[in-house]
Amino acid sequence: MKRGVHSKDVKSISAGELKQRLKSEAAPFLLDVREPEELADGAIAGSANIPTDEVLHRLAELPNDRDIVVICHLGRRSAKITTILNALGYNRALNLTGGMDAWLEASGCHPERSDRQGAQSKDGLNLVSS
């Protein structure tokens, strides 16, 4: 039987919840673990890109004093990294459920569209930038 990270076992945040949190003064640190070439599809404004294979070597770049929302394309890699960060004592690390696809959907963009860079939601929140 193949073992893996089960989403029910991972501390998570929905795209809608994240959208609200980004409007608050206690905005989380956004850790995008996708590969650089994936960023051509867009990224949440203000996110830091540290690819999955580099996260353990770059822990010093992560804050200990605020929530960390880990982001990937669909939420699988970010769930794995969230679990690892939690095990290393980053207890405030959260997985973005559904990844960038869920973020774009919640923001009124369609993940399959290629012209979504720089889009803004109805409330003016930057959705993606690259």
Protein backbone atom coordinates (compact mmCIF):
# COMPACT_ATOMS: atom_id res chain seq x y z
CA MET A 1 0.00 0.00 0.00
CA LYS A 2 1.36 3.39 -0.97
CA ARG A 3 1.78 5.85 1.88
CA GLY A 4 1.31 9.56 1.42
CA VAL A 5 0.07 12.73 3.01
CA HIS A 6 -3.66 12.67 3.59
CA SER A 7 -5.26 16.11 3.42
CA LYS A 8 -7.36 15.43 6.52
CA ASP A 9 -4.12 15.09 8.52
CA VAL A 10 -2.67 18.40 7.34
CA LYS A 11 -3.33 21.82 8.87
CA SER A 12 -5.03 23.69 6.06
CA ILE A 13 -6.66 26.93 5.00
CA SER A 14 -9.17 27.41 2.18
CA ALA A 15 -8.69 29.91 -0.61
CA GLY A 16 -11.62 31.96 0.71
CA GLU A 17 -10.15 32.05 4.21
CA LEU A 18 -6.75 33.07 2.82
CA LYS A 19 -8.33 35.86 0.79
CA GLN A 20 -9.83 37.28 4.00
CA ARG A 21 -6.60 36.84 5.95
CA LEU A 22 -4.62 38.76 3.32
CA LYS A 23 -6.84 41.77 3.93
CA SER A 24 -6.03 41.77 7.65
CA GLU A 25 -3.08 43.24 9.51
CA ALA A 26 -1.99 39.71 10.47
CA ALA A 27 -1.42 38.57 6.91
CA PRO A 28 0.43 35.24 6.66
CA PHE A 29 3.77 34.60 4.99
CA LEU A 30 3.07 33.03 1.59
CA LEU A 31 5.45 30.22 0.63
CA ASP A 32 5.04 29.09 -2.98
CA VAL A 33 6.82 25.75 -3.42
CA ARG A 34 6.28 25.42 -7.17
CA GLU A 35 9.18 25.29 -9.61
CA PRO A 36 10.19 28.64 -11.16
CA GLU A 37 8.79 27.71 -14.58
CA GLU A 38 5.37 27.12 -13.00
CA LEU A 39 5.26 30.76 -11.89
CA ALA A 40 4.58 31.74 -15.51
CA ASP A 41 0.99 30.72 -14.73
CA GLY A 42 0.94 33.40 -12.03
CA ALA A 43 1.51 33.62 -8.29
CA ILE A 44 -0.27 35.19 -5.37
CA ALA A 45 1.07 38.72 -4.99
CA GLY A 46 3.70 38.93 -2.25
CA SER A 47 4.50 35.22 -2.16
CA ALA A 48 8.05 33.93 -1.76
CA ASN A 49 9.09 31.20 -4.18
CA ILE A 50 11.17 28.42 -2.65
CA PRO A 51 10.82 25.23 -4.74
CA THR A 52 9.93 22.03 -2.90
CA ASP A 53 13.44 20.55 -3.16
CA GLU A 54 15.00 23.69 -1.65
CA VAL A 55 12.72 24.30 1.35
CA LEU A 56 14.75 22.26 3.87
CA HIS A 57 17.94 24.08 2.82
CA ARG A 58 16.31 27.51 3.16
CA LEU A 59 14.47 27.26 6.48
CA ALA A 60 16.22 30.41 7.71
CA GLU A 61 14.08 32.38 5.23
CA LEU A 62 10.84 31.30 6.92
CA PRO A 63 9.33 33.28 9.79
CA ASN A 64 8.63 31.71 13.19
CA ASP A 65 6.41 34.55 14.38
CA ARG A 66 3.48 34.34 11.96
CA ASP A 67 1.43 31.88 9.96
CA ILE A 68 2.98 30.39 6.84
CA VAL A 69 0.63 29.38 4.03
CA VAL A 70 2.26 26.84 1.73
CA ILE A 71 1.12 26.95 -1.90
CA CYS A 72 1.59 24.74 -4.96
CA HIS A 73 -0.47 24.01 -8.06
CA LEU A 74 -3.08 21.60 -6.65
CA GLY A 75 -2.18 21.27 -2.97
CA ARG A 76 -0.30 17.98 -2.95
CA ARG A 77 3.29 19.24 -2.73
CA SER A 78 2.25 21.99 -0.35
CA ALA A 79 0.54 19.42 1.91
CA LYS A 80 3.77 17.42 2.06
CA ILE A 81 5.86 20.51 2.86
CA THR A 82 3.31 21.69 5.45
CA THR A 83 3.54 18.33 7.21
CA ILE A 84 7.35 18.51 7.21
CA LEU A 85 7.35 22.10 8.48
CA ASN A 86 4.91 21.20 11.27
CA ALA A 87 7.17 18.29 12.27
CA LEU A 88 10.15 20.68 12.38
CA GLY A 89 8.35 23.01 14.79
CA TYR A 90 6.77 25.42 12.32
CA ASN A 91 3.42 24.86 14.00
CA ARG A 92 1.82 27.79 12.21
CA ALA A 93 2.38 26.33 8.72
CA LEU A 94 -0.86 25.74 6.78
CA ASN A 95 -1.54 24.10 3.43
CA LEU A 96 -3.59 26.05 0.88
CA THR A 97 -6.26 23.46 0.10
CA GLY A 98 -6.50 22.99 -3.65
CA GLY A 99 -3.43 25.15 -4.34
CA MET A 100 -3.33 27.88 -6.96
CA ASP A 101 -6.23 26.32 -8.84
CA ALA A 102 -8.47 26.81 -5.80
CA TRP A 103 -7.11 30.34 -5.28
CA LEU A 104 -7.88 31.32 -8.86
CA GLU A 105 -11.33 29.75 -8.71
CA ALA A 106 -12.18 31.52 -5.43
CA SER A 107 -10.94 34.77 -6.93
CA GLY A 108 -13.14 34.50 -10.00
CA CYS A 109 -10.43 33.45 -12.42
CA HIS A 110 -10.42 30.19 -14.31
CA PRO A 111 -7.31 28.04 -13.85
CA GLU A 112 -7.27 26.92 -17.46
CA ARG A 113 -7.01 30.48 -18.80
CA SER A 114 -3.59 31.68 -19.88
CA ASP A 115 -4.40 35.41 -19.69
CA ARG A 116 -4.90 35.60 -15.92
CA GLN A 117 -1.61 37.30 -15.07
CA GLY A 118 -2.13 40.57 -13.27
CA ALA A 119 -5.85 39.96 -12.83
CA GLN A 120 -7.76 41.63 -10.03
CA SER A 121 -10.83 40.48 -8.21
CA LYS A 122 -13.97 42.57 -7.82
CA ASP A 123 -12.66 43.95 -4.53
CA GLY A 124 -9.34 45.00 -6.08
CA LEU A 125 -7.22 42.30 -4.40
CA ASN A 126 -4.33 41.24 -6.63
CA LEU A 127 -4.94 37.66 -7.66
CA VAL A 128 -1.79 36.78 -9.48
CA SER A 129 1.34 38.39 -10.71
CA SER A 130 4.53 37.09 -12.17
